[in-house]
């Protein structure tokens, strides 16, 4: 497929998708829950419960991408020098106040050996960004990230380092139109180039630091846009005390 310039490519793909959503559309309906979508929902609820709306939105977006039929990519994540197999998806949210380009783009990944026991989440508003743990407004050039280990019930937040997440190609409408999904949300299949390296610090024990890297690789994902404007994905309502899901859920 010939890759079009971006954001021209996004505008064209979304226009095709909007036409497919007309009265004569015969989109397939997803009949069964895709693997891991419910667990990502639980991760979103936990993140919201501790006040991390950025992570909550990222996990909710990842779950939505899976429900739209995006097949996660097998990727390599290096944790303290050890390569581990993860599955991951990237969700790009069209900027409702912009010119059709991507605002937030977010990587969500989970371990694949046996039941998922660790989750990585990184998001930013620009292709290249540096991690900022201070809670400053998330403008271009700033990134957030977290790594959760369900087996040890620990959560680490990115304190320093950088990430790169850019759209590299678009492939038309996402495979599924899930029952119950807001019909105003348009989904376009995409691929992203991702590269991340950072130091993640334990919230419970600040002296506990983990170095995490995602070597540059291509990852499947989705571009989401809400017709009429507004954010296509909203974080879940905070439920104080909501725990992390158990490994294997």
Protein backbone atom coordinates (compact mmCIF):
# COMPACT_ATOMS: atom_id res chain seq x y z
CA UNK A 1 0.00 0.00 0.00
CA UNK A 2 1.30 3.51 -0.82
CA UNK A 3 1.64 5.58 2.36
CA UNK A 4 0.08 9.05 2.08
CA UNK A 5 1.47 12.11 3.89
CA UNK A 6 0.07 12.64 7.38
CA UNK A 7 -2.36 14.19 8.36
CA UNK A 8 -3.67 14.03 4.77
CA UNK A 9 -3.73 10.24 5.10
CA UNK A 10 -5.81 10.40 8.28
CA UNK A 11 -8.34 12.79 6.77
CA UNK A 12 -8.76 10.57 3.70
CA UNK A 13 -9.12 7.39 5.75
CA UNK A 14 -11.69 8.92 8.06
CA UNK A 15 -13.68 10.17 5.08
CA UNK A 16 -13.78 6.63 3.66
CA UNK A 17 -14.83 5.31 7.07
CA UNK A 18 -17.63 7.88 7.36
CA UNK A 19 -19.01 6.77 3.99
CA UNK A 20 -18.97 3.15 5.13
CA UNK A 21 -21.10 4.16 8.10
CA UNK A 22 -24.03 5.21 5.88
CA UNK A 23 -27.47 3.55 5.81
CA UNK A 24 -26.33 0.87 3.34
CA UNK A 25 -23.38 -0.22 5.50
CA UNK A 26 -23.27 -3.90 6.40
CA UNK A 27 -20.56 -3.83 9.06
CA UNK A 28 -19.86 -7.08 10.92
CA UNK A 29 -20.92 -7.23 14.55
CA UNK A 30 -18.48 -8.57 17.10
CA UNK A 31 -20.10 -11.59 18.72
CA UNK A 32 -17.58 -12.46 21.43
CA UNK A 33 -15.36 -10.48 23.75
CA UNK A 34 -11.80 -10.25 22.40
CA UNK A 35 -9.10 -11.63 24.71
CA UNK A 36 -7.71 -9.11 27.19
CA UNK A 37 -10.27 -6.35 26.51
CA UNK A 38 -11.99 -6.94 29.85
CA UNK A 39 -8.63 -6.99 31.66
CA UNK A 40 -7.66 -3.69 30.06
CA UNK A 41 -10.99 -2.33 31.31
CA UNK A 42 -10.03 -3.46 34.82
CA UNK A 43 -6.62 -1.79 34.47
CA UNK A 44 -8.44 1.40 33.41
CA UNK A 45 -10.67 1.24 36.49
CA UNK A 46 -7.68 0.72 38.77
CA UNK A 47 -5.79 3.63 37.19
CA UNK A 48 -8.84 5.89 37.62
CA UNK A 49 -9.17 4.82 41.26
CA UNK A 50 -5.67 6.16 42.03
CA UNK A 51 -6.20 9.38 40.08
CA UNK A 52 -4.20 8.52 36.95
CA UNK A 53 -6.65 9.62 34.25
CA UNK A 54 -3.94 9.44 31.58
CA UNK A 55 -3.34 5.72 32.16
CA UNK A 56 -7.07 5.10 32.56
CA UNK A 57 -7.74 6.66 29.15
CA UNK A 58 -4.88 4.69 27.59
CA UNK A 59 -6.14 1.34 28.88
CA UNK A 60 -9.73 2.15 27.90
CA UNK A 61 -8.51 3.09 24.42
CA UNK A 62 -6.56 -0.16 24.13
CA UNK A 63 -9.64 -2.17 25.09
CA UNK A 64 -11.71 -0.31 22.49
CA UNK A 65 -9.09 -0.99 19.79
CA UNK A 66 -9.28 -4.72 20.54
CA UNK A 67 -13.08 -4.63 20.36
CA UNK A 68 -12.85 -2.92 16.97
CA UNK A 69 -10.89 -5.97 15.79
CA UNK A 70 -7.28 -4.74 15.93
CA UNK A 71 -4.92 -7.71 16.27
CA UNK A 72 -2.16 -6.89 18.78
CA UNK A 73 1.45 -7.16 17.64
CA UNK A 74 4.05 -9.33 19.34
CA UNK A 75 6.80 -7.01 20.51
CA UNK A 76 9.98 -7.11 22.56
CA UNK A 77 10.13 -5.17 25.83
CA UNK A 78 13.45 -5.02 27.69
CA UNK A 79 13.05 -4.88 31.48
CA UNK A 80 16.30 -4.34 33.40
CA UNK A 81 18.24 -5.76 30.47
CA UNK A 82 16.09 -8.88 29.98
CA UNK A 83 14.06 -9.20 26.76
CA UNK A 84 10.45 -10.23 27.35
CA UNK A 85 7.70 -10.98 24.83
CA UNK A 86 4.70 -8.69 25.09
CA UNK A 87 1.61 -8.14 22.95
CA UNK A 88 0.71 -4.54 22.27
CA UNK A 89 -1.56 -2.10 20.46
CA UNK A 90 -1.30 1.63 19.87
CA UNK A 91 -4.35 3.87 19.93
CA UNK A 92 -4.24 7.31 18.36
CA UNK A 93 -6.94 9.82 19.27
CA UNK A 94 -7.73 12.39 16.58
CA UNK A 95 -7.28 15.87 18.02
CA UNK A 96 -10.83 17.29 18.34
CA UNK A 97 -9.50 20.85 18.36
CA UNK A 98 -6.89 20.38 15.65
CA UNK A 99 -6.68 19.95 11.89
CA UNK A 100 -7.42 16.23 11.75
CA UNK A 101 -4.00 15.18 13.03
CA UNK A 102 -3.37 12.89 15.98
CA UNK A 103 -3.44 14.34 19.48
CA UNK A 104 -2.82 11.65 22.08
CA UNK A 105 -1.19 8.43 20.95
CA UNK A 106 -0.88 5.60 23.46
CA UNK A 107 0.90 2.24 23.64
CA UNK A 108 -0.59 -0.49 25.84
CA UNK A 109 1.27 -3.81 26.09
CA UNK A 110 1.08 -6.95 28.25
CA UNK A 111 3.20 -10.07 28.82
CA UNK A 112 2.41 -13.14 26.72
CA UNK A 113 4.06 -16.05 28.55
CA UNK A 114 1.14 -17.75 30.26
CA UNK A 115 -1.39 -15.50 31.98
CA UNK A 116 -0.61 -11.77 31.56
CA UNK A 117 1.20 -10.58 34.67
CA UNK A 118 2.65 -7.22 33.62
CA UNK A 119 1.27 -4.23 31.71
CA UNK A 120 3.13 -1.31 30.14
CA UNK A 121 1.46 1.98 29.17
CA UNK A 122 3.06 4.99 27.47
CA UNK A 123 1.28 8.01 25.98
CA UNK A 124 2.11 11.45 24.58
CA UNK A 125 0.71 14.23 22.39
CA UNK A 126 3.55 14.34 19.86
CA UNK A 127 5.76 11.95 17.92
CA UNK A 128 8.80 12.59 20.12
CA UNK A 129 8.35 13.27 23.83
CA UNK A 130 10.18 13.12 27.17
CA UNK A 131 8.75 11.58 30.32
CA UNK A 132 7.48 14.08 32.89
CA UNK A 133 6.32 12.67 36.24
CA UNK A 134 5.36 16.04 37.74
CA UNK A 135 1.75 16.07 36.61
CA UNK A 136 2.32 19.10 34.38
CA UNK A 137 -0.23 19.66 31.59
CA UNK A 138 0.36 17.17 28.80
CA UNK A 139 1.40 19.44 25.97
CA UNK A 140 3.50 18.38 22.96
CA UNK A 141 6.93 17.11 23.96
CA UNK A 142 5.79 15.53 27.22
CA UNK A 143 5.03 11.85 27.86
CA UNK A 144 3.60 9.74 30.66
CA UNK A 145 4.19 6.08 31.32
CA UNK A 146 3.54 3.34 33.87
CA UNK A 147 4.40 -0.33 34.36
CA UNK A 148 2.24 -2.58 36.54
CA UNK A 149 3.27 -5.99 37.84
CA UNK A 150 0.10 -7.86 38.81
CA UNK A 151 1.97 -10.72 40.46
CA UNK A 152 3.71 -8.42 42.98
CA UNK A 153 0.87 -5.84 43.06
CA UNK A 154 3.32 -3.04 42.32
CA UNK A 155 3.13 -0.05 39.98
CA UNK A 156 6.01 2.01 38.60
CA UNK A 157 5.79 5.42 36.92
CA UNK A 158 8.19 6.74 34.26
CA UNK A 159 10.43 9.39 35.77
CA UNK A 160 13.00 10.03 33.05
CA UNK A 161 13.67 8.97 29.47
CA UNK A 162 11.83 9.46 26.20
CA UNK A 163 9.36 7.94 23.77
CA UNK A 164 8.67 8.09 20.05
CA UNK A 165 5.26 7.13 18.59
CA UNK A 166 4.36 8.02 15.01
CA UNK A 167 1.74 6.89 12.49
CA UNK A 168 3.42 5.08 9.59
CA UNK A 169 0.48 3.73 7.56
CA UNK A 170 -3.32 3.56 7.42
CA UNK A 171 -5.44 0.65 6.17
CA UNK A 172 -9.07 1.78 6.08
CA UNK A 173 -11.92 0.84 8.35
CA UNK A 174 -11.30 -1.29 11.46
CA UNK A 175 -12.50 -4.91 11.07
CA UNK A 176 -15.34 -4.86 13.60
CA UNK A 177 -18.14 -2.50 14.61
CA UNK A 178 -18.79 -3.78 18.14
CA UNK A 179 -22.34 -3.90 19.43
CA UNK A 180 -22.85 -1.21 22.05
CA UNK A 181 -19.99 1.04 20.88
CA UNK A 182 -20.92 4.68 20.36
CA UNK A 183 -21.67 4.82 16.61
CA UNK A 184 -20.22 8.32 16.46
CA UNK A 185 -16.71 6.91 17.03
CA UNK A 186 -14.90 6.23 13.75
CA UNK A 187 -12.08 3.66 13.77
CA UNK A 188 -9.31 3.42 11.18
CA UNK A 189 -6.75 0.59 11.22
CA UNK A 190 -3.18 1.87 11.44
CA UNK A 191 0.40 0.96 12.11
CA UNK A 192 2.73 2.95 14.33
CA UNK A 193 6.48 3.11 14.75
CA UNK A 194 7.28 3.02 18.47
CA UNK A 195 10.49 3.45 20.46
CA UNK A 196 10.68 3.98 24.23
CA UNK A 197 13.35 3.99 26.91
CA UNK A 198 12.91 5.17 30.48
CA UNK A 199 13.43 4.69 34.18
CA UNK A 200 10.27 3.66 36.02
CA UNK A 201 10.06 4.30 39.77
CA UNK A 202 7.92 2.38 42.27
CA UNK A 203 5.14 4.42 43.85
CA UNK A 204 5.45 2.41 47.07
CA UNK A 205 9.27 2.29 47.24
CA UNK A 206 10.89 5.24 45.43
CA UNK A 207 14.29 3.57 45.72
CA UNK A 208 13.03 0.70 43.54
CA UNK A 209 13.76 1.64 39.94
CA UNK A 210 13.24 -0.40 36.77
CA UNK A 211 14.73 0.38 33.36
CA UNK A 212 12.28 -0.38 30.55
CA UNK A 213 12.92 -0.10 26.82
CA UNK A 214 10.89 -0.84 23.71
CA UNK A 215 13.35 -1.07 20.80
CA UNK A 216 12.06 0.60 17.65
CA UNK A 217 9.43 -1.61 16.02
CA UNK A 218 6.17 -1.48 14.08
CA UNK A 219 2.99 -2.05 16.11
CA UNK A 220 -0.63 -2.44 15.01
CA UNK A 221 -3.20 0.00 16.24
CA UNK A 222 -6.21 2.21 15.57
CA UNK A 223 -6.98 5.86 14.98
CA UNK A 224 -10.19 6.90 16.73
CA UNK A 225 -12.27 10.02 16.09
CA UNK A 226 -15.62 11.12 17.45
CA UNK A 227 -17.86 12.62 14.78
CA UNK A 228 -18.89 16.09 15.80
CA UNK A 229 -15.83 16.60 18.00
CA UNK A 230 -14.99 15.62 21.54
CA UNK A 231 -12.70 12.93 22.92
CA UNK A 232 -13.34 9.48 21.38
CA UNK A 233 -12.32 7.73 24.60
CA UNK A 234 -13.16 8.90 28.08
CA UNK A 235 -11.57 7.52 31.28
CA UNK A 236 -13.85 5.48 33.54
CA UNK A 237 -15.32 6.98 36.69
CA UNK A 238 -12.98 6.61 39.64
CA UNK A 239 -13.92 3.92 42.13
CA UNK A 240 -11.75 4.46 45.25
CA UNK A 241 -9.91 1.33 46.32
CA UNK A 242 -10.40 -0.49 43.03
CA UNK A 243 -7.59 -3.12 43.00
CA UNK A 244 -5.42 -4.26 40.14
CA UNK A 245 -6.87 -7.32 38.38
CA UNK A 246 -5.51 -10.70 39.38
CA UNK A 247 -2.92 -12.26 37.04
CA UNK A 248 -4.64 -14.28 34.35
CA UNK A 249 -7.92 -12.37 34.35
